[in-house]
All heavy atoms as atom14 arrays in JSON, in Angstrom:
{
  "sequence": "SGQYFIQGGDESEEKKACQFKRSLLQNCSGIEDPTFGYSRGQPCILLK",
  "atom14_mask": [
    [1, 1, 1, 1, 1, 1, 0, 0, 0, 0, 0, 0, 0, 0],
    [1, 1, 1, 1, 0, 0, 0, 0, 0, 0, 0, 0, 0, 0],
    [1, 1, 1, 1, 1, 1, 1, 1, 1, 0, 0, 0, 0, 0],
    [1, 1, 1, 1, 1, 1, 1, 1, 1, 1, 1, 1, 0, 0],
    [1, 1, 1, 1, 1, 1, 1, 1, 1, 1, 1, 0, 0, 0],
    [1, 1, 1, 1, 1, 1, 1, 1, 0, 0, 0, 0, 0, 0],
    [1, 1, 1, 1, 1, 1, 1, 1, 1, 0, 0, 0, 0, 0],
    [1, 1, 1, 1, 0, 0, 0, 0, 0, 0, 0, 0, 0, 0],
    [1, 1, 1, 1, 0, 0, 0, 0, 0, 0, 0, 0, 0, 0],
    [1, 1, 1, 1, 1, 1, 1, 1, 0, 0, 0, 0, 0, 0],
    [1, 1, 1, 1, 1, 1, 1, 1, 1, 0, 0, 0, 0, 0],
    [1, 1, 1, 1, 1, 1, 0, 0, 0, 0, 0, 0, 0, 0],
    [1, 1, 1, 1, 1, 1, 1, 1, 1, 0, 0, 0, 0, 0],
    [1, 1, 1, 1, 1, 1, 1, 1, 1, 0, 0, 0, 0, 0],
    [1, 1, 1, 1, 1, 1, 1, 1, 1, 0, 0, 0, 0, 0],
    [1, 1, 1, 1, 1, 1, 1, 1, 1, 0, 0, 0, 0, 0],
    [1, 1, 1, 1, 1, 0, 0, 0, 0, 0, 0, 0, 0, 0],
    [1, 1, 1, 1, 1, 1, 0, 0, 0, 0, 0, 0, 0, 0],
    [1, 1, 1, 1, 1, 1, 1, 1, 1, 0, 0, 0, 0, 0],
    [1, 1, 1, 1, 1, 1, 1, 1, 1, 1, 1, 0, 0, 0],
    [1, 1, 1, 1, 1, 1, 1, 1, 1, 0, 0, 0, 0, 0],
    [1, 1, 1, 1, 1, 1, 1, 1, 1, 1, 1, 0, 0, 0],
    [1, 1, 1, 1, 1, 1, 0, 0, 0, 0, 0, 0, 0, 0],
    [1, 1, 1, 1, 1, 1, 1, 1, 0, 0, 0, 0, 0, 0],
    [1, 1, 1, 1, 1, 1, 1, 1, 0, 0, 0, 0, 0, 0],
    [1, 1, 1, 1, 1, 1, 1, 1, 1, 0, 0, 0, 0, 0],
    [1, 1, 1, 1, 1, 1, 1, 1, 0, 0, 0, 0, 0, 0],
    [1, 1, 1, 1, 1, 1, 0, 0, 0, 0, 0, 0, 0, 0],
    [1, 1, 1, 1, 1, 1, 0, 0, 0, 0, 0, 0, 0, 0],
    [1, 1, 1, 1, 0, 0, 0, 0, 0, 0, 0, 0, 0, 0],
    [1, 1, 1, 1, 1, 1, 1, 1, 0, 0, 0, 0, 0, 0],
    [1, 1, 1, 1, 1, 1, 1, 1, 1, 0, 0, 0, 0, 0],
    [1, 1, 1, 1, 1, 1, 1, 1, 0, 0, 0, 0, 0, 0],
    [1, 1, 1, 1, 1, 1, 1, 0, 0, 0, 0, 0, 0, 0],
    [1, 1, 1, 1, 1, 1, 1, 0, 0, 0, 0, 0, 0, 0],
    [1, 1, 1, 1, 1, 1, 1, 1, 1, 1, 1, 0, 0, 0],
    [1, 1, 1, 1, 0, 0, 0, 0, 0, 0, 0, 0, 0, 0],
    [1, 1, 1, 1, 1, 1, 1, 1, 1, 1, 1, 1, 0, 0],
    [1, 1, 1, 1, 1, 1, 0, 0, 0, 0, 0, 0, 0, 0],
    [1, 1, 1, 1, 1, 1, 1, 1, 1, 1, 1, 0, 0, 0],
    [1, 1, 1, 1, 0, 0, 0, 0, 0, 0, 0, 0, 0, 0],
    [1, 1, 1, 1, 1, 1, 1, 1, 1, 0, 0, 0, 0, 0],
    [1, 1, 1, 1, 1, 1, 1, 0, 0, 0, 0, 0, 0, 0],
    [1, 1, 1, 1, 1, 1, 0, 0, 0, 0, 0, 0, 0, 0],
    [1, 1, 1, 1, 1, 1, 1, 1, 0, 0, 0, 0, 0, 0],
    [1, 1, 1, 1, 1, 1, 1, 1, 0, 0, 0, 0, 0, 0],
    [1, 1, 1, 1, 1, 1, 1, 1, 0, 0, 0, 0, 0, 0],
    [1, 1, 1, 1, 1, 1, 1, 1, 1, 0, 0, 0, 0, 0]
  ],
  "atom14_positions": [
    [[-59.45, 135.61, 179.61], [-59.87, 136.74, 180.37], [-61.27, 137.13, 180.02], [-61.76, 137.02, 178.93], [-58.91, 137.9, 180.18], [-59.27, 139.08, 180.91], [0.0, 0.0, 0.0], [0.0, 0.0, 0.0], [0.0, 0.0, 0.0], [0.0, 0.0, 0.0], [0.0, 0.0, 0.0], [0.0, 0.0, 0.0], [0.0, 0.0, 0.0], [0.0, 0.0, 0.0]],
    [[-61.99, 137.62, 181.06], [-63.26, 138.24, 180.79], [-64.43, 137.32, 180.82], [-65.6, 137.69, 180.5], [0.0, 0.0, 0.0], [0.0, 0.0, 0.0], [0.0, 0.0, 0.0], [0.0, 0.0, 0.0], [0.0, 0.0, 0.0], [0.0, 0.0, 0.0], [0.0, 0.0, 0.0], [0.0, 0.0, 0.0], [0.0, 0.0, 0.0], [0.0, 0.0, 0.0]],
    [[-64.24, 136.02, 181.22], [-65.35, 135.07, 181.29], [-65.09, 134.1, 182.46], [-63.97, 133.82, 182.81], [-65.58, 134.35, 180.0], [-64.44, 133.47, 179.59], [-64.62, 132.77, 178.25], [-64.98, 133.42, 177.24], [-64.39, 131.49, 178.13], [0.0, 0.0, 0.0], [0.0, 0.0, 0.0], [0.0, 0.0, 0.0], [0.0, 0.0, 0.0], [0.0, 0.0, 0.0]],
    [[-66.2, 133.64, 183.07], [-66.01, 132.7, 184.17], [-65.44, 131.4, 183.63], [-65.64, 130.96, 182.54], [-67.41, 132.36, 184.78], [-68.09, 133.58, 185.43], [-69.36, 134.01, 184.99], [-67.53, 134.24, 186.47], [-70.03, 135.09, 185.58], [-68.17, 135.35, 187.12], [-69.41, 135.71, 186.67], [-70.01, 136.76, 187.24], [0.0, 0.0, 0.0], [0.0, 0.0, 0.0]],
    [[-64.58, 130.8, 184.52], [-63.95, 129.57, 184.22], [-64.75, 128.35, 184.92], [-64.46, 128.01, 186.05], [-62.55, 129.56, 184.69], [-61.71, 128.35, 184.33], [-62.0, 127.61, 183.18], [-60.65, 127.91, 185.11], [-61.27, 126.45, 182.84], [-59.89, 126.78, 184.77], [-60.22, 126.02, 183.62], [0.0, 0.0, 0.0], [0.0, 0.0, 0.0], [0.0, 0.0, 0.0]],
    [[-65.78, 127.97, 184.19], [-66.68, 126.97, 184.73], [-66.18, 125.57, 184.33], [-65.97, 125.33, 183.16], [-68.13, 127.21, 184.27], [-68.6, 128.6, 184.67], [-69.06, 126.17, 184.74], [-69.92, 129.01, 184.1], [0.0, 0.0, 0.0], [0.0, 0.0, 0.0], [0.0, 0.0, 0.0], [0.0, 0.0, 0.0], [0.0, 0.0, 0.0], [0.0, 0.0, 0.0]],
    [[-65.99, 124.71, 185.34], [-65.49, 123.39, 185.11], [-66.48, 122.33, 185.5], [-67.04, 122.31, 186.61], [-64.2, 123.18, 185.87], [-63.13, 124.23, 185.59], [-61.87, 124.09, 186.42], [-61.18, 123.11, 186.31], [-61.53, 125.11, 187.18], [0.0, 0.0, 0.0], [0.0, 0.0, 0.0], [0.0, 0.0, 0.0], [0.0, 0.0, 0.0], [0.0, 0.0, 0.0]],
    [[-66.74, 121.43, 184.55], [-67.73, 120.39, 184.82], [-67.05, 119.18, 185.43], [-66.01, 119.18, 186.04], [0.0, 0.0, 0.0], [0.0, 0.0, 0.0], [0.0, 0.0, 0.0], [0.0, 0.0, 0.0], [0.0, 0.0, 0.0], [0.0, 0.0, 0.0], [0.0, 0.0, 0.0], [0.0, 0.0, 0.0], [0.0, 0.0, 0.0], [0.0, 0.0, 0.0]],
    [[-67.69, 118.02, 185.16], [-67.18, 116.77, 185.73], [-67.66, 116.52, 187.11], [-68.43, 117.26, 187.73], [0.0, 0.0, 0.0], [0.0, 0.0, 0.0], [0.0, 0.0, 0.0], [0.0, 0.0, 0.0], [0.0, 0.0, 0.0], [0.0, 0.0, 0.0], [0.0, 0.0, 0.0], [0.0, 0.0, 0.0], [0.0, 0.0, 0.0], [0.0, 0.0, 0.0]],
    [[-67.19, 115.4, 187.7], [-67.62, 115.02, 189.04], [-67.05, 116.03, 190.05], [-65.98, 116.59, 189.9], [-67.0, 113.64, 189.37], [-67.57, 113.09, 190.67], [-66.98, 113.38, 191.74], [-68.59, 112.41, 190.66], [0.0, 0.0, 0.0], [0.0, 0.0, 0.0], [0.0, 0.0, 0.0], [0.0, 0.0, 0.0], [0.0, 0.0, 0.0], [0.0, 0.0, 0.0]],
    [[-67.87, 116.29, 191.07], [-67.41, 117.31, 192.09], [-66.21, 116.97, 192.84], [-65.54, 117.81, 193.38], [-68.6, 117.64, 193.02], [-68.95, 116.44, 193.95], [-69.97, 116.75, 194.94], [-70.49, 117.91, 194.9], [-70.38, 115.91, 195.78], [0.0, 0.0, 0.0], [0.0, 0.0, 0.0], [0.0, 0.0, 0.0], [0.0, 0.0, 0.0], [0.0, 0.0, 0.0]],
    [[-65.8, 115.64, 192.83], [-64.59, 115.24, 193.5], [-63.33, 115.4, 192.64], [-62.22, 115.17, 193.16], [-64.76, 113.81, 194.0], [-64.9, 112.97, 192.88], [0.0, 0.0, 0.0], [0.0, 0.0, 0.0], [0.0, 0.0, 0.0], [0.0, 0.0, 0.0], [0.0, 0.0, 0.0], [0.0, 0.0, 0.0], [0.0, 0.0, 0.0], [0.0, 0.0, 0.0]],
    [[-63.54, 115.7, 191.36], [-62.33, 115.82, 190.5], [-61.56, 117.05, 190.76], [-62.13, 118.14, 191.05], [-62.85, 115.83, 189.03], [-63.35, 114.52, 188.46], [-63.8, 114.67, 187.02], [-63.47, 115.73, 186.37], [-64.47, 113.75, 186.54], [0.0, 0.0, 0.0], [0.0, 0.0, 0.0], [0.0, 0.0, 0.0], [0.0, 0.0, 0.0], [0.0, 0.0, 0.0]],
    [[-60.26, 116.95, 190.7], [-59.41, 118.12, 190.96], [-59.64, 119.15, 189.86], [-59.64, 118.82, 188.65], [-57.93, 117.71, 191.0], [-57.01, 118.9, 191.37], [-55.59, 118.45, 191.59], [-55.38, 117.39, 192.25], [-54.65, 119.2, 191.17], [0.0, 0.0, 0.0], [0.0, 0.0, 0.0], [0.0, 0.0, 0.0], [0.0, 0.0, 0.0], [0.0, 0.0, 0.0]],
    [[-59.78, 120.43, 190.29], [-60.06, 121.52, 189.33], [-58.73, 122.24, 188.93], [-57.81, 122.34, 189.8], [-61.05, 122.51, 189.87], [-62.34, 121.85, 190.44], [-63.14, 121.11, 189.4], [-64.42, 120.52, 189.9], [-65.15, 119.72, 188.91], [0.0, 0.0, 0.0], [0.0, 0.0, 0.0], [0.0, 0.0, 0.0], [0.0, 0.0, 0.0], [0.0, 0.0, 0.0]],
    [[-58.74, 122.78, 187.78], [-57.6, 123.55, 187.33], [-57.78, 124.98, 187.9], [-58.88, 125.48, 188.07], [-57.53, 123.58, 185.84], [-57.24, 122.22, 185.23], [-57.22, 122.3, 183.73], [-56.96, 120.88, 183.12], [-56.96, 120.88, 181.6], [0.0, 0.0, 0.0], [0.0, 0.0, 0.0], [0.0, 0.0, 0.0], [0.0, 0.0, 0.0], [0.0, 0.0, 0.0]],
    [[-56.68, 125.65, 188.1], [-56.67, 127.02, 188.6], [-55.97, 127.96, 187.6], [-55.0, 127.58, 186.93], [-56.05, 127.15, 189.95], [0.0, 0.0, 0.0], [0.0, 0.0, 0.0], [0.0, 0.0, 0.0], [0.0, 0.0, 0.0], [0.0, 0.0, 0.0], [0.0, 0.0, 0.0], [0.0, 0.0, 0.0], [0.0, 0.0, 0.0], [0.0, 0.0, 0.0]],
    [[-56.5, 129.21, 187.47], [-55.92, 130.13, 186.54], [-54.7, 130.86, 187.16], [-54.68, 131.11, 188.4], [-56.97, 131.2, 186.18], [-58.4, 130.52, 185.3], [0.0, 0.0, 0.0], [0.0, 0.0, 0.0], [0.0, 0.0, 0.0], [0.0, 0.0, 0.0], [0.0, 0.0, 0.0], [0.0, 0.0, 0.0], [0.0, 0.0, 0.0], [0.0, 0.0, 0.0]],
    [[-53.74, 131.2, 186.38], [-52.55, 131.89, 186.85], [-52.91, 133.32, 187.25], [-53.57, 134.01, 186.55], [-51.52, 131.92, 185.7], [-50.98, 130.6, 185.29], [-49.93, 130.75, 184.17], [-49.61, 131.8, 183.73], [-49.5, 129.58, 183.61], [0.0, 0.0, 0.0], [0.0, 0.0, 0.0], [0.0, 0.0, 0.0], [0.0, 0.0, 0.0], [0.0, 0.0, 0.0]],
    [[-52.36, 133.64, 188.44], [-52.37, 135.02, 188.81], [-50.89, 135.36, 189.22], [-50.46, 135.02, 190.33], [-53.3, 135.43, 190.02], [-53.39, 136.87, 190.21], [-54.53, 137.59, 189.73], [-52.4, 137.63, 190.88], [-54.72, 138.99, 189.93], [-52.51, 138.97, 191.09], [-53.64, 139.67, 190.6], [0.0, 0.0, 0.0], [0.0, 0.0, 0.0], [0.0, 0.0, 0.0]],
    [[-50.14, 135.95, 188.29], [-48.73, 136.22, 188.49], [-48.58, 137.54, 189.2], [-49.28, 138.46, 188.95], [-48.04, 136.23, 187.19], [-48.05, 134.97, 186.37], [-47.37, 135.1, 185.08], [-47.44, 133.89, 184.23], [-46.73, 134.0, 182.92], [0.0, 0.0, 0.0], [0.0, 0.0, 0.0], [0.0, 0.0, 0.0], [0.0, 0.0, 0.0], [0.0, 0.0, 0.0]],
    [[-47.57, 137.56, 190.17], [-47.39, 138.83, 190.87], [-46.92, 139.97, 189.91], [-47.11, 141.17, 190.27], [-46.33, 138.61, 191.98], [-44.97, 138.34, 191.54], [-44.07, 137.97, 192.71], [-43.87, 139.08, 193.62], [-43.24, 139.0, 194.85], [-42.74, 137.83, 195.19], [-43.06, 140.03, 195.58], [0.0, 0.0, 0.0], [0.0, 0.0, 0.0], [0.0, 0.0, 0.0]],
    [[-46.39, 139.63, 188.76], [-45.99, 140.7, 187.85], [-47.17, 141.48, 187.32], [-47.04, 142.58, 186.86], [-45.21, 140.09, 186.68], [-46.04, 139.09, 185.96], [0.0, 0.0, 0.0], [0.0, 0.0, 0.0], [0.0, 0.0, 0.0], [0.0, 0.0, 0.0], [0.0, 0.0, 0.0], [0.0, 0.0, 0.0], [0.0, 0.0, 0.0], [0.0, 0.0, 0.0]],
    [[-48.43, 140.9, 187.44], [-49.6, 141.63, 187.05], [-49.83, 142.89, 187.94], [-50.51, 143.8, 187.55], [-50.83, 140.72, 187.14], [-50.93, 139.58, 186.16], [-52.12, 138.7, 186.53], [-51.08, 140.11, 184.72], [0.0, 0.0, 0.0], [0.0, 0.0, 0.0], [0.0, 0.0, 0.0], [0.0, 0.0, 0.0], [0.0, 0.0, 0.0], [0.0, 0.0, 0.0]],
    [[-49.21, 142.84, 189.12], [-49.37, 143.93, 190.08], [-48.44, 145.12, 189.75], [-48.45, 146.15, 190.45], [-49.1, 143.48, 191.5], [-50.06, 142.29, 191.98], [-49.63, 141.81, 193.31], [-51.51, 142.72, 191.99], [0.0, 0.0, 0.0], [0.0, 0.0, 0.0], [0.0, 0.0, 0.0], [0.0, 0.0, 0.0], [0.0, 0.0, 0.0], [0.0, 0.0, 0.0]],
    [[-47.62, 144.93, 188.75], [-46.8, 146.06, 188.19], [-45.98, 146.76, 189.28], [-45.14, 146.15, 189.96], [-47.69, 146.97, 187.42], [-48.36, 146.31, 186.24], [-49.2, 147.27, 185.42], [-48.81, 148.35, 185.02], [-50.42, 146.86, 185.1], [0.0, 0.0, 0.0], [0.0, 0.0, 0.0], [0.0, 0.0, 0.0], [0.0, 0.0, 0.0], [0.0, 0.0, 0.0]],
    [[-46.24, 148.03, 189.59], [-45.51, 148.79, 190.52], [-45.62, 148.3, 191.94], [-44.88, 148.71, 192.83], [-45.84, 150.27, 190.45], [-45.37, 150.92, 189.18], [-44.57, 150.42, 188.46], [-46.05, 152.03, 188.85], [0.0, 0.0, 0.0], [0.0, 0.0, 0.0], [0.0, 0.0, 0.0], [0.0, 0.0, 0.0], [0.0, 0.0, 0.0], [0.0, 0.0, 0.0]],
    [[-46.64, 147.43, 192.16], [-46.85, 146.89, 193.55], [-46.51, 145.43, 193.55], [-46.93, 144.69, 194.47], [-48.35, 147.09, 193.91], [-48.73, 148.77, 194.31], [0.0, 0.0, 0.0], [0.0, 0.0, 0.0], [0.0, 0.0, 0.0], [0.0, 0.0, 0.0], [0.0, 0.0, 0.0], [0.0, 0.0, 0.0], [0.0, 0.0, 0.0], [0.0, 0.0, 0.0]],
    [[-45.76, 144.92, 192.62], [-45.33, 143.52, 192.59], [-44.17, 143.19, 193.46], [-43.98, 142.03, 193.83], [-45.05, 143.06, 191.18], [-43.83, 143.76, 190.71], [0.0, 0.0, 0.0], [0.0, 0.0, 0.0], [0.0, 0.0, 0.0], [0.0, 0.0, 0.0], [0.0, 0.0, 0.0], [0.0, 0.0, 0.0], [0.0, 0.0, 0.0], [0.0, 0.0, 0.0]],
    [[-43.4, 144.24, 193.8], [-42.22, 143.99, 194.58], [-41.01, 143.51, 193.78], [-39.98, 143.15, 194.27], [0.0, 0.0, 0.0], [0.0, 0.0, 0.0], [0.0, 0.0, 0.0], [0.0, 0.0, 0.0], [0.0, 0.0, 0.0], [0.0, 0.0, 0.0], [0.0, 0.0, 0.0], [0.0, 0.0, 0.0], [0.0, 0.0, 0.0], [0.0, 0.0, 0.0]],
    [[-41.2, 143.49, 192.44], [-40.09, 142.97, 191.55], [-39.13, 144.14, 191.21], [-37.94, 144.05, 191.54], [-40.76, 142.46, 190.27], [-41.61, 141.24, 190.56], [-39.63, 142.0, 189.28], [-42.4, 140.7, 189.42], [0.0, 0.0, 0.0], [0.0, 0.0, 0.0], [0.0, 0.0, 0.0], [0.0, 0.0, 0.0], [0.0, 0.0, 0.0], [0.0, 0.0, 0.0]],
    [[-39.63, 145.24, 190.67], [-38.77, 146.33, 190.37], [-38.44, 147.18, 191.61], [-37.35, 147.71, 191.77], [-39.37, 147.24, 189.3], [-39.51, 146.56, 187.93], [-39.96, 147.51, 186.89], [-40.09, 148.7, 187.13], [-40.15, 147.06, 185.74], [0.0, 0.0, 0.0], [0.0, 0.0, 0.0], [0.0, 0.0, 0.0], [0.0, 0.0, 0.0], [0.0, 0.0, 0.0]],
    [[-39.43, 147.28, 192.47], [-39.2, 148.02, 193.71], [-39.48, 147.01, 194.94], [-40.58, 146.85, 195.32], [-40.17, 149.2, 193.85], [-40.07, 149.95, 195.2], [-39.11, 149.63, 195.99], [-40.9, 150.84, 195.46], [0.0, 0.0, 0.0], [0.0, 0.0, 0.0], [0.0, 0.0, 0.0], [0.0, 0.0, 0.0], [0.0, 0.0, 0.0], [0.0, 0.0, 0.0]],
    [[-38.4, 146.49, 195.45], [-38.55, 145.48, 196.53], [-39.21, 146.02, 197.8], [-39.54, 145.27, 198.71], [-37.1, 144.99, 196.81], [-36.38, 145.35, 195.58], [-36.99, 146.63, 195.08], [0.0, 0.0, 0.0], [0.0, 0.0, 0.0], [0.0, 0.0, 0.0], [0.0, 0.0, 0.0], [0.0, 0.0, 0.0], [0.0, 0.0, 0.0], [0.0, 0.0, 0.0]],
    [[-39.34, 147.37, 197.9], [-39.92, 147.93, 199.12], [-41.38, 148.3, 198.93], [-42.06, 148.8, 199.85], [-39.17, 149.19, 199.56], [-39.47, 150.28, 198.69], [-37.62, 148.97, 199.66], [0.0, 0.0, 0.0], [0.0, 0.0, 0.0], [0.0, 0.0, 0.0], [0.0, 0.0, 0.0], [0.0, 0.0, 0.0], [0.0, 0.0, 0.0], [0.0, 0.0, 0.0]],
    [[-41.95, 147.97, 197.79], [-43.4, 148.18, 197.56], [-43.79, 149.63, 197.76], [-44.93, 149.95, 198.11], [-44.26, 147.35, 198.38], [-44.05, 145.86, 198.16], [-43.17, 145.09, 198.95], [-44.73, 145.21, 197.12], [-42.98, 143.73, 198.76], [-44.54, 143.82, 196.94], [-43.68, 143.15, 197.69], [0.0, 0.0, 0.0], [0.0, 0.0, 0.0], [0.0, 0.0, 0.0]],
    [[-42.83, 150.56, 197.51], [-43.16, 151.96, 197.67], [-43.02, 152.54, 199.04], [-43.05, 153.78, 199.25], [0.0, 0.0, 0.0], [0.0, 0.0, 0.0], [0.0, 0.0, 0.0], [0.0, 0.0, 0.0], [0.0, 0.0, 0.0], [0.0, 0.0, 0.0], [0.0, 0.0, 0.0], [0.0, 0.0, 0.0], [0.0, 0.0, 0.0], [0.0, 0.0, 0.0]],
    [[-42.78, 151.67, 200.03], [-42.71, 152.14, 201.44], [-41.54, 153.02, 201.68], [-41.58, 153.93, 202.47], [-42.72, 150.97, 202.36], [-44.12, 150.32, 202.54], [-44.61, 149.46, 201.55], [-44.95, 150.6, 203.62], [-45.86, 148.89, 201.69], [-46.2, 150.08, 203.73], [-46.65, 149.17, 202.75], [-47.91, 148.64, 202.88], [0.0, 0.0, 0.0], [0.0, 0.0, 0.0]],
    [[-40.44, 152.75, 201.0], [-39.24, 153.58, 201.23], [-39.39, 155.0, 200.64], [-38.57, 155.86, 200.94], [-38.01, 152.85, 200.52], [-38.21, 152.76, 199.11], [0.0, 0.0, 0.0], [0.0, 0.0, 0.0], [0.0, 0.0, 0.0], [0.0, 0.0, 0.0], [0.0, 0.0, 0.0], [0.0, 0.0, 0.0], [0.0, 0.0, 0.0], [0.0, 0.0, 0.0]],
    [[-40.45, 155.21, 199.84], [-40.67, 156.52, 199.26], [-41.93, 157.23, 199.86], [-42.31, 158.25, 199.41], [-40.82, 156.4, 197.7], [-39.65, 155.81, 197.07], [-39.73, 155.95, 195.55], [-41.03, 155.57, 195.04], [-41.42, 154.32, 194.72], [-40.53, 153.31, 194.91], [-42.63, 154.0, 194.24], [0.0, 0.0, 0.0], [0.0, 0.0, 0.0], [0.0, 0.0, 0.0]],
    [[-42.54, 156.51, 200.73], [-43.76, 157.04, 201.36], [-44.93, 156.92, 200.44], [-45.93, 157.68, 200.5], [0.0, 0.0, 0.0], [0.0, 0.0, 0.0], [0.0, 0.0, 0.0], [0.0, 0.0, 0.0], [0.0, 0.0, 0.0], [0.0, 0.0, 0.0], [0.0, 0.0, 0.0], [0.0, 0.0, 0.0], [0.0, 0.0, 0.0], [0.0, 0.0, 0.0]],
    [[-44.87, 155.89, 199.52], [-46.01, 155.64, 198.6], [-46.33, 154.14, 198.68], [-46.05, 153.36, 197.75], [-45.59, 156.0, 197.16], [-45.22, 157.42, 196.95], [-44.77, 157.76, 195.56], [-44.26, 156.93, 194.79], [-45.01, 159.02, 195.11], [0.0, 0.0, 0.0], [0.0, 0.0, 0.0], [0.0, 0.0, 0.0], [0.0, 0.0, 0.0], [0.0, 0.0, 0.0]],
    [[-46.94, 153.74, 199.78], [-47.08, 152.32, 200.03], [-48.13, 151.61, 199.17], [-49.17, 152.22, 198.72], [-47.65, 152.35, 201.49], [-48.36, 153.66, 201.65], [-47.47, 154.65, 200.84], [0.0, 0.0, 0.0], [0.0, 0.0, 0.0], [0.0, 0.0, 0.0], [0.0, 0.0, 0.0], [0.0, 0.0, 0.0], [0.0, 0.0, 0.0], [0.0, 0.0, 0.0]],
    [[-47.89, 150.37, 198.87], [-48.8, 149.5, 198.22], [-49.6, 148.64, 199.24], [-49.0, 148.17, 200.16], [-48.08, 148.52, 197.27], [-47.44, 149.34, 195.79], [0.0, 0.0, 0.0], [0.0, 0.0, 0.0], [0.0, 0.0, 0.0], [0.0, 0.0, 0.0], [0.0, 0.0, 0.0], [0.0, 0.0, 0.0], [0.0, 0.0, 0.0], [0.0, 0.0, 0.0]],
    [[-50.83, 148.51, 199.01], [-51.69, 147.65, 199.95], [-52.48, 146.74, 198.92], [-53.02, 147.2, 197.94], [-52.6, 148.49, 200.77], [-51.73, 149.31, 201.74], [-53.53, 147.59, 201.57], [-52.57, 150.27, 202.63], [0.0, 0.0, 0.0], [0.0, 0.0, 0.0], [0.0, 0.0, 0.0], [0.0, 0.0, 0.0], [0.0, 0.0, 0.0], [0.0, 0.0, 0.0]],
    [[-52.56, 145.47, 199.32], [-53.26, 144.51, 198.49], [-54.66, 144.23, 199.03], [-54.84, 144.11, 200.23], [-52.47, 143.19, 198.4], [-51.07, 143.32, 197.95], [-50.34, 141.96, 198.0], [-50.92, 143.89, 196.55], [0.0, 0.0, 0.0], [0.0, 0.0, 0.0], [0.0, 0.0, 0.0], [0.0, 0.0, 0.0], [0.0, 0.0, 0.0], [0.0, 0.0, 0.0]],
    [[-55.59, 144.03, 198.15], [-56.99, 143.74, 198.53], [-57.43, 142.43, 197.96], [-57.17, 142.21, 196.75], [-57.91, 144.86, 198.06], [-59.4, 144.8, 198.54], [-59.53, 145.22, 199.94], [-60.24, 145.67, 197.57], [0.0, 0.0, 0.0], [0.0, 0.0, 0.0], [0.0, 0.0, 0.0], [0.0, 0.0, 0.0], [0.0, 0.0, 0.0], [0.0, 0.0, 0.0]],
    [[-58.0, 141.57, 198.76], [-58.52, 140.32, 198.21], [-59.89, 140.09, 198.75], [-60.22, 140.41, 199.94], [-57.57, 139.16, 198.53], [-57.61, 138.69, 199.95], [-56.67, 137.47, 200.1], [-56.8, 136.8, 201.44], [-58.05, 135.97, 201.44], [0.0, 0.0, 0.0], [0.0, 0.0, 0.0], [0.0, 0.0, 0.0], [0.0, 0.0, 0.0], [0.0, 0.0, 0.0]]
  ]
}
């Protein structure tokens, strides 16, 4: 965490990708609250 993941090698080589787990979204992950807060009038919205 906290630094760019710069990968060398030939540009045609397959690159590795970093994990982004939905559990990182905590109350907005849909794991503990499958309604993402909508059932309580506290909606989660994702930004990318």
